Amino acid sequence: MKAHTKETQESLTPDLALEFLKEGNKRFINNINVNRNLLKQVNETSSNQFPFAAVLSCIDSRTSAELIFDQGLGDI
């Protein structure tokens, strides 16, 4: 799965962004995550990132928002 681009970020509605987060959380709960090439995403997002959501959370070293919502690097 590729990182979001400016075009994909701009095309998302708030409802669709929320649906992405809900679907990702369902995958997390069921221990079914999307297969991502994290090294490729690091390289794709090195010059630009286009997150589709911001997540306010507590600092907890056991997990991250990307894991809880099964999102890629730079997506949230």
PDB file of N, CA and C in Angstrom:
ATOM      1  N   MET A   1       0.844  -1.171   0.000  1.00  0.00           N
ATOM      2  CA  MET A   1       0.000   0.000   0.000  1.00  0.00           C
ATOM      3  C   MET A   1       0.888   1.232   0.000  1.00  0.00           C
ATOM      4  N   LYS A   2       0.570   2.177  -0.860  1.00  0.00           N
ATOM      5  CA  LYS A   2       1.375   3.379  -1.001  1.00  0.00           C
ATOM      6  C   LYS A   2       0.949   4.445   0.002  1.00  0.00           C
ATOM      7  N   ALA A   3       1.871   5.357   0.267  1.00  0.00           N
ATOM      8  CA  ALA A   3       1.579   6.490   1.141  1.00  0.00           C
ATOM      9  C   ALA A   3       0.639   7.443   0.418  1.00  0.00           C
ATOM     10  N   HIS A   4      -0.111   8.208   1.175  1.00  0.00           N
ATOM     11  CA  HIS A   4      -1.014   9.191   0.589  1.00  0.00           C
ATOM     12  C   HIS A   4      -0.224  10.261  -0.140  1.00  0.00           C
ATOM     13  N   THR A   5      -0.811  10.740  -1.221  1.00  0.00           N
ATOM     14  CA  THR A   5      -0.240  11.838  -1.995  1.00  0.00           C
ATOM     15  C   THR A   5      -1.091  13.083  -1.760  1.00  0.00           C
ATOM     16  N   LYS A   6      -0.647  14.199  -2.303  1.00  0.00           N
ATOM     17  CA  LYS A   6      -1.426  15.428  -2.190  1.00  0.00           C
ATOM     18  C   LYS A   6      -2.812  15.226  -2.811  1.00  0.00           C
ATOM     19  N   GLU A   7      -2.853  14.508  -3.931  1.00  0.00           N
ATOM     20  CA  GLU A   7      -4.120  14.283  -4.622  1.00  0.00           C
ATOM     21  C   GLU A   7      -5.063  13.411  -3.800  1.00  0.00           C
ATOM     22  N   THR A   8      -4.554  12.336  -3.203  1.00  0.00           N
ATOM     23  CA  THR A   8      -5.433  11.478  -2.414  1.00  0.00           C
ATOM     24  C   THR A   8      -5.882  12.191  -1.144  1.00  0.00           C
ATOM     25  N   GLN A   9      -4.987  12.974  -0.552  1.00  0.00           N
ATOM     26  CA  GLN A   9      -5.351  13.731   0.650  1.00  0.00           C
ATOM     27  C   GLN A   9      -6.464  14.725   0.338  1.00  0.00           C
ATOM     28  N   GLU A  10      -6.338  15.449  -0.764  1.00  0.00           N
ATOM     29  CA  GLU A  10      -7.322  16.471  -1.119  1.00  0.00           C
ATOM     30  C   GLU A  10      -8.666  15.871  -1.521  1.00  0.00           C
ATOM     31  N   SER A  11      -8.671  14.619  -1.982  1.00  0.00           N
ATOM     32  CA  SER A  11      -9.916  14.003  -2.435  1.00  0.00           C
ATOM     33  C   SER A  11     -10.735  13.399  -1.290  1.00  0.00           C
ATOM     34  N   LEU A  12     -10.140  13.281  -0.112  1.00  0.00           N
ATOM     35  CA  LEU A  12     -10.840  12.658   1.013  1.00  0.00           C
ATOM     36  C   LEU A  12     -11.797  13.624   1.695  1.00  0.00           C
ATOM     37  N   THR A  13     -12.987  13.133   1.968  1.00  0.00           N
ATOM     38  CA  THR A  13     -13.956  13.890   2.758  1.00  0.00           C
ATOM     39  C   THR A  13     -13.743  13.521   4.227  1.00  0.00           C
ATOM     40  N   PRO A  14     -14.226  14.326   5.149  1.00  0.00           N
ATOM     41  CA  PRO A  14     -14.136  13.950   6.566  1.00  0.00           C
ATOM     42  C   PRO A  14     -14.793  12.588   6.852  1.00  0.00           C
ATOM     43  N   ASP A  15     -15.918  12.324   6.218  1.00  0.00           N
ATOM     44  CA  ASP A  15     -16.594  11.034   6.437  1.00  0.00           C
ATOM     45  C   ASP A  15     -15.748   9.867   5.950  1.00  0.00           C
ATOM     46  N   LEU A  16     -15.102  10.021   4.806  1.00  0.00           N
ATOM     47  CA  LEU A  16     -14.261   8.950   4.276  1.00  0.00           C
ATOM     48  C   LEU A  16     -13.023   8.748   5.147  1.00  0.00           C
ATOM     49  N   ALA A  17     -12.438   9.839   5.637  1.00  0.00           N
ATOM     50  CA  ALA A  17     -11.283   9.733   6.536  1.00  0.00           C
ATOM     51  C   ALA A  17     -11.669   8.973   7.806  1.00  0.00           C
ATOM     52  N   LEU A  18     -12.828   9.297   8.363  1.00  0.00           N
ATOM     53  CA  LEU A  18     -13.300   8.591   9.557  1.00  0.00           C
ATOM     54  C   LEU A  18     -13.528   7.115   9.244  1.00  0.00           C
ATOM     55  N   GLU A  19     -14.061   6.823   8.086  1.00  0.00           N
ATOM     56  CA  GLU A  19     -14.289   5.425   7.692  1.00  0.00           C
ATOM     57  C   GLU A  19     -12.958   4.679   7.576  1.00  0.00           C
ATOM     58  N   PHE A  20     -11.927   5.309   7.011  1.00  0.00           N
ATOM     59  CA  PHE A  20     -10.595   4.689   6.947  1.00  0.00           C
ATOM     60  C   PHE A  20     -10.097   4.327   8.340  1.00  0.00           C
ATOM     61  N   LEU A  21     -10.277   5.254   9.294  1.00  0.00           N
ATOM     62  CA  LEU A  21      -9.812   5.000  10.662  1.00  0.00           C
ATOM     63  C   LEU A  21     -10.609   3.877  11.314  1.00  0.00           C
ATOM     64  N   LYS A  22     -11.919   3.864  11.111  1.00  0.00           N
ATOM     65  CA  LYS A  22     -12.759   2.798  11.687  1.00  0.00           C
ATOM     66  C   LYS A  22     -12.403   1.442  11.101  1.00  0.00           C
ATOM     67  N   GLU A  23     -12.229   1.377   9.778  1.00  0.00           N
ATOM     68  CA  GLU A  23     -11.859   0.112   9.136  1.00  0.00           C
ATOM     69  C   GLU A  23     -10.497  -0.367   9.631  1.00  0.00           C
ATOM     70  N   GLY A  24      -9.548   0.568   9.754  1.00  0.00           N
ATOM     71  CA  GLY A  24      -8.221   0.208  10.248  1.00  0.00           C
ATOM     72  C   GLY A  24      -8.265  -0.304  11.673  1.00  0.00           C
ATOM     73  N   ASN A  25      -9.101   0.328  12.504  1.00  0.00           N
ATOM     74  CA  ASN A  25      -9.221  -0.125  13.888  1.00  0.00           C
ATOM     75  C   ASN A  25      -9.849  -1.519  13.962  1.00  0.00           C
ATOM     76  N   LYS A  26     -10.797  -1.800  13.092  1.00  0.00           N
ATOM     77  CA  LYS A  26     -11.382  -3.154  13.049  1.00  0.00           C
ATOM     78  C   LYS A  26     -10.316  -4.179  12.678  1.00  0.00           C
ATOM     79  N   ARG A  27      -9.453  -3.826  11.717  1.00  0.00           N
ATOM     80  CA  ARG A  27      -8.358  -4.738  11.357  1.00  0.00           C
ATOM     81  C   ARG A  27      -7.434  -4.952  12.551  1.00  0.00           C
ATOM     82  N   PHE A  28      -7.100  -3.875  13.274  1.00  0.00           N
ATOM     83  CA  PHE A  28      -6.234  -3.977  14.444  1.00  0.00           C
ATOM     84  C   PHE A  28      -6.845  -4.898  15.498  1.00  0.00           C
ATOM     85  N   ILE A  29      -8.123  -4.688  15.792  1.00  0.00           N
ATOM     86  CA  ILE A  29      -8.809  -5.498  16.806  1.00  0.00           C
ATOM     87  C   ILE A  29      -8.808  -6.976  16.423  1.00  0.00           C
ATOM     88  N   ASN A  30      -8.967  -7.242  15.116  1.00  0.00           N
ATOM     89  CA  ASN A  30      -9.017  -8.629  14.636  1.00  0.00           C
ATOM     90  C   ASN A  30      -7.648  -9.176  14.242  1.00  0.00           C
ATOM     91  N   ASN A  31      -6.582  -8.414  14.523  1.00  0.00           N
ATOM     92  CA  ASN A  31      -5.214  -8.817  14.233  1.00  0.00           C
ATOM     93  C   ASN A  31      -5.009  -9.140  12.749  1.00  0.00           C
ATOM     94  N   ILE A  32      -5.646  -8.341  11.898  1.00  0.00           N
ATOM     95  CA  ILE A  32      -5.505  -8.475  10.442  1.00  0.00           C
ATOM     96  C   ILE A  32      -5.044  -7.113   9.940  1.00  0.00           C
ATOM     97  N   ASN A  33      -3.774  -6.970   9.632  1.00  0.00           N
ATOM     98  CA  ASN A  33      -3.299  -5.666   9.187  1.00  0.00           C
ATOM     99  C   ASN A  33      -2.899  -5.723   7.715  1.00  0.00           C
ATOM    100  N   VAL A  34      -2.923  -4.549   7.084  1.00  0.00           N
ATOM    101  CA  VAL A  34      -2.532  -4.430   5.687  1.00  0.00           C
ATOM    102  C   VAL A  34      -1.036  -4.662   5.581  1.00  0.00           C
ATOM    103  N   ASN A  35      -0.636  -5.412   4.582  1.00  0.00           N
ATOM    104  CA  ASN A  35       0.784  -5.671   4.352  1.00  0.00           C
ATOM    105  C   ASN A  35       1.408  -4.435   3.707  1.00  0.00           C
ATOM    106  N   ARG A  36       2.288  -3.765   4.431  1.00  0.00           N
ATOM    107  CA  ARG A  36       2.934  -2.551   3.942  1.00  0.00           C
ATOM    108  C   ARG A  36       4.438  -2.751   3.874  1.00  0.00           C
ATOM    109  N   ASN A  37       5.054  -2.133   2.887  1.00  0.00           N
ATOM    110  CA  ASN A  37       6.501  -2.094   2.783  1.00  0.00           C
ATOM    111  C   ASN A  37       6.939  -0.801   3.476  1.00  0.00           C
ATOM    112  N   LEU A  38       7.288  -0.904   4.769  1.00  0.00           N
ATOM    113  CA  LEU A  38       7.587   0.290   5.567  1.00  0.00           C
ATOM    114  C   LEU A  38       8.824   1.028   5.057  1.00  0.00           C
ATOM    115  N   LEU A  39       9.842   0.298   4.597  1.00  0.00           N
ATOM    116  CA  LEU A  39      11.029   0.966   4.078  1.00  0.00           C
ATOM    117  C   LEU A  39      10.671   1.791   2.843  1.00  0.00           C
ATOM    118  N   LYS A  40       9.826   1.251   1.984  1.00  0.00           N
ATOM    119  CA  LYS A  40       9.378   1.998   0.811  1.00  0.00           C
ATOM    120  C   LYS A  40       8.594   3.234   1.237  1.00  0.00           C
ATOM    121  N   GLN A  41       7.732   3.101   2.254  1.00  0.00           N
ATOM    122  CA  GLN A  41       6.967   4.253   2.727  1.00  0.00           C
ATOM    123  C   GLN A  41       7.875   5.309   3.352  1.00  0.00           C
ATOM    124  N   VAL A  42       8.921   4.893   4.038  1.00  0.00           N
ATOM    125  CA  VAL A  42       9.885   5.855   4.593  1.00  0.00           C
ATOM    126  C   VAL A  42      10.494   6.664   3.460  1.00  0.00           C
ATOM    127  N   ASN A  43      10.888   5.976   2.387  1.00  0.00           N
ATOM    128  CA  ASN A  43      11.487   6.675   1.247  1.00  0.00           C
ATOM    129  C   ASN A  43      10.472   7.550   0.525  1.00  0.00           C
ATOM    130  N   GLU A  44       9.230   7.075   0.383  1.00  0.00           N
ATOM    131  CA  GLU A  44       8.195   7.852  -0.302  1.00  0.00           C
ATOM    132  C   GLU A  44       7.822   9.115   0.466  1.00  0.00           C
ATOM    133  N   THR A  45       7.929   9.081   1.784  1.00  0.00           N
ATOM    134  CA  THR A  45       7.507  10.222   2.606  1.00  0.00           C
ATOM    135  C   THR A  45       8.677  11.076   3.095  1.00  0.00           C
ATOM    136  N   SER A  46       9.870  10.822   2.592  1.00  0.00           N
ATOM    137  CA  SER A  46      11.040  11.551   3.095  1.00  0.00           C
ATOM    138  C   SER A  46      11.014  13.035   2.738  1.00  0.00           C
ATOM    139  N   SER A  47      10.427  13.391   1.607  1.00  0.00           N
ATOM    140  CA  SER A  47      10.402  14.809   1.235  1.00  0.00           C
ATOM    141  C   SER A  47       9.044  15.465   1.474  1.00  0.00           C
ATOM    142  N   ASN A  48       7.975  14.680   1.441  1.00  0.00           N
ATOM    143  CA  ASN A  48       6.626  15.213   1.663  1.00  0.00           C
ATOM    144  C   ASN A  48       5.763  14.178   2.354  1.00  0.00           C
ATOM    145  N   GLN A  49       4.901  14.640   3.234  1.00  0.00           N
ATOM    146  CA  GLN A  49       3.898  13.778   3.861  1.00  0.00           C
ATOM    147  C   GLN A  49       2.554  14.457   3.718  1.00  0.00           C
ATOM    148  N   PHE A  50       1.522  13.648   3.467  1.00  0.00           N
ATOM    149  CA  PHE A  50       0.177  14.173   3.278  1.00  0.00           C
ATOM    150  C   PHE A  50      -0.806  13.394   4.144  1.00  0.00           C
ATOM    151  N   PRO A  51      -0.755  13.606   5.472  1.00  0.00           N
ATOM    152  CA  PRO A  51      -1.664  12.886   6.363  1.00  0.00           C
ATOM    153  C   PRO A  51      -3.111  13.273   6.099  1.00  0.00           C
ATOM    154  N   PHE A  52      -4.009  12.308   6.289  1.00  0.00           N
ATOM    155  CA  PHE A  52      -5.429  12.584   6.076  1.00  0.00           C
ATOM    156  C   PHE A  52      -6.163  12.815   7.384  1.00  0.00           C
ATOM    157  N   ALA A  53      -5.490  12.611   8.515  1.00  0.00           N
ATOM    158  CA  ALA A  53      -6.121  12.798   9.824  1.00  0.00           C
ATOM    159  C   ALA A  53      -5.053  13.114  10.859  1.00  0.00           C
ATOM    160  N   ALA A  54      -5.477  13.777  11.909  1.00  0.00           N
ATOM    161  CA  ALA A  54      -4.626  14.018  13.071  1.00  0.00           C
ATOM    162  C   ALA A  54      -5.268  13.315  14.257  1.00  0.00           C
ATOM    163  N   VAL A  55      -4.447  12.648  15.041  1.00  0.00           N
ATOM    164  CA  VAL A  55      -4.955  11.886  16.187  1.00  0.00           C
ATOM    165  C   VAL A  55      -4.303  12.431  17.449  1.00  0.00           C
ATOM    166  N   LEU A  56      -5.121  12.873  18.374  1.00  0.00           N
ATOM    167  CA  LEU A  56      -4.640  13.328  19.662  1.00  0.00           C
ATOM    168  C   LEU A  56      -4.713  12.142  20.613  1.00  0.00           C
ATOM    169  N   SER A  57      -3.575  11.768  21.171  1.00  0.00           N
ATOM    170  CA  SER A  57      -3.558  10.598  22.051  1.00  0.00           C
ATOM    171  C   SER A  57      -2.539  10.811  23.161  1.00  0.00           C
ATOM    172  N   CYS A  58      -2.574   9.919  24.120  1.00  0.00           N
ATOM    173  CA  CYS A  58      -1.591   9.976  25.196  1.00  0.00           C
ATOM    174  C   CYS A  58      -0.297   9.313  24.726  1.00  0.00           C
ATOM    175  N   ILE A  59       0.774   9.620  25.396  1.00  0.00           N
ATOM    176  CA  ILE A  59       2.048   8.976  25.084  1.00  0.00           C
ATOM    177  C   ILE A  59       2.039   7.610  25.758  1.00  0.00           C
ATOM    178  N   ASP A  60       2.070   6.578  24.957  1.00  0.00           N
ATOM    179  CA  ASP A  60       2.035   5.209  25.461  1.00  0.00           C
ATOM    180  C   ASP A  60       3.018   4.398  24.636  1.00  0.00           C
ATOM    181  N   SER A  61       4.078   3.954  25.241  1.00  0.00           N
ATOM    182  CA  SER A  61       5.134   3.263  24.507  1.00  0.00           C
ATOM    183  C   SER A  61       4.723   1.884  24.007  1.00  0.00           C
ATOM    184  N   ARG A  62       3.545   1.390  24.404  1.00  0.00           N
ATOM    185  CA  ARG A  62       3.129   0.060  23.974  1.00  0.00           C
ATOM    186  C   ARG A  62       2.575   0.032  22.570  1.00  0.00           C
ATOM    187  N   THR A  63       2.120   1.159  22.072  1.00  0.00           N
ATOM    188  CA  THR A  63       1.539   1.180  20.731  1.00  0.00           C
ATOM    189  C   THR A  63       1.550   2.604  20.178  1.00  0.00           C
ATOM    190  N   SER A  64       1.165   2.741  18.926  1.00  0.00           N
ATOM    191  CA  SER A  64       1.084   4.060  18.301  1.00  0.00           C
ATOM    192  C   SER A  64      -0.247   4.176  17.568  1.00  0.00           C
ATOM    193  N   ALA A  65      -0.611   5.393  17.229  1.00  0.00           N
ATOM    194  CA  ALA A  65      -1.873   5.606  16.510  1.00  0.00           C
ATOM    195  C   ALA A  65      -1.856   4.876  15.169  1.00  0.00           C
ATOM    196  N   GLU A  66      -0.694   4.832  14.501  1.00  0.00           N
ATOM    197  CA  GLU A  66      -0.604   4.123  13.220  1.00  0.00           C
ATOM    198  C   GLU A  66      -0.964   2.648  13.374  1.00  0.00           C
ATOM    199  N   LEU A  67      -0.543   2.032  14.474  1.00  0.00           N
ATOM    200  CA  LEU A  67      -0.882   0.619  14.707  1.00  0.00           C
ATOM    201  C   LEU A  67      -2.353   0.442  15.061  1.00  0.00           C
ATOM    202  N   ILE A  68      -2.863   1.268  15.949  1.00  0.00           N
ATOM    203  CA  ILE A  68      -4.250   1.132  16.406  1.00  0.00           C
ATOM    204  C   ILE A  68      -5.240   1.330  15.262  1.00  0.00           C
ATOM    205  N   PHE A  69      -4.879   2.199  14.303  1.00  0.00           N
ATOM    206  CA  PHE A  69      -5.768   2.465  13.173  1.00  0.00           C
ATOM    207  C   PHE A  69      -5.275   1.813  11.884  1.00  0.00           C
ATOM    208  N   ASP A  70      -4.240   0.966  11.988  1.00  0.00           N
ATOM    209  CA  ASP A  70      -3.663   0.250  10.839  1.00  0.00           C
ATOM    210  C   ASP A  70      -3.462   1.178   9.652  1.00  0.00           C
ATOM    211  N   GLN A  71      -2.679   2.225   9.860  1.00  0.00           N
ATOM    212  CA  GLN A  71      -2.373   3.195   8.817  1.00  0.00           C
ATOM    213  C   GLN A  71      -0.873   3.192   8.568  1.00  0.00           C
ATOM    214  N   GLY A  72      -0.502   3.676   7.394  1.00  0.00           N
ATOM    215  CA  GLY A  72       0.896   3.711   7.016  1.00  0.00           C
ATOM    216  C   GLY A  72       1.619   4.921   7.554  1.00  0.00           C
ATOM    217  N   LEU A  73       2.913   4.940   7.307  1.00  0.00           N
ATOM    218  CA  LEU A  73       3.747   6.064   7.743  1.00  0.00           C
ATOM    219  C   LEU A  73       3.339   7.332   7.011  1.00  0.00           C
ATOM    220  N   GLY A  74       3.135   8.387   7.769  1.00  0.00           N
ATOM    221  CA  GLY A  74       2.747   9.668   7.183  1.00  0.00           C
ATOM    222  C   GLY A  74       1.264   9.809   6.894  1.00  0.00           C
ATOM    223  N   ASP A  75       0.473   8.747   7.129  1.00  0.00           N
ATOM    224  CA  ASP A  75      -0.965   8.811   6.847  1.00  0.00           C
ATOM    225  C   ASP A  75      -1.731   9.581   7.917  1.00  0.00           C
ATOM    226  N   ILE A  76      -1.302   9.461   9.174  1.00  0.00           N
ATOM    227  CA  ILE A  76      -1.970  10.179  10.267  1.00  0.00           C
ATOM    228  C   ILE A  76      -0.910  10.817  11.140  1.00  0.00           C
TER     229      ILE A  76
END
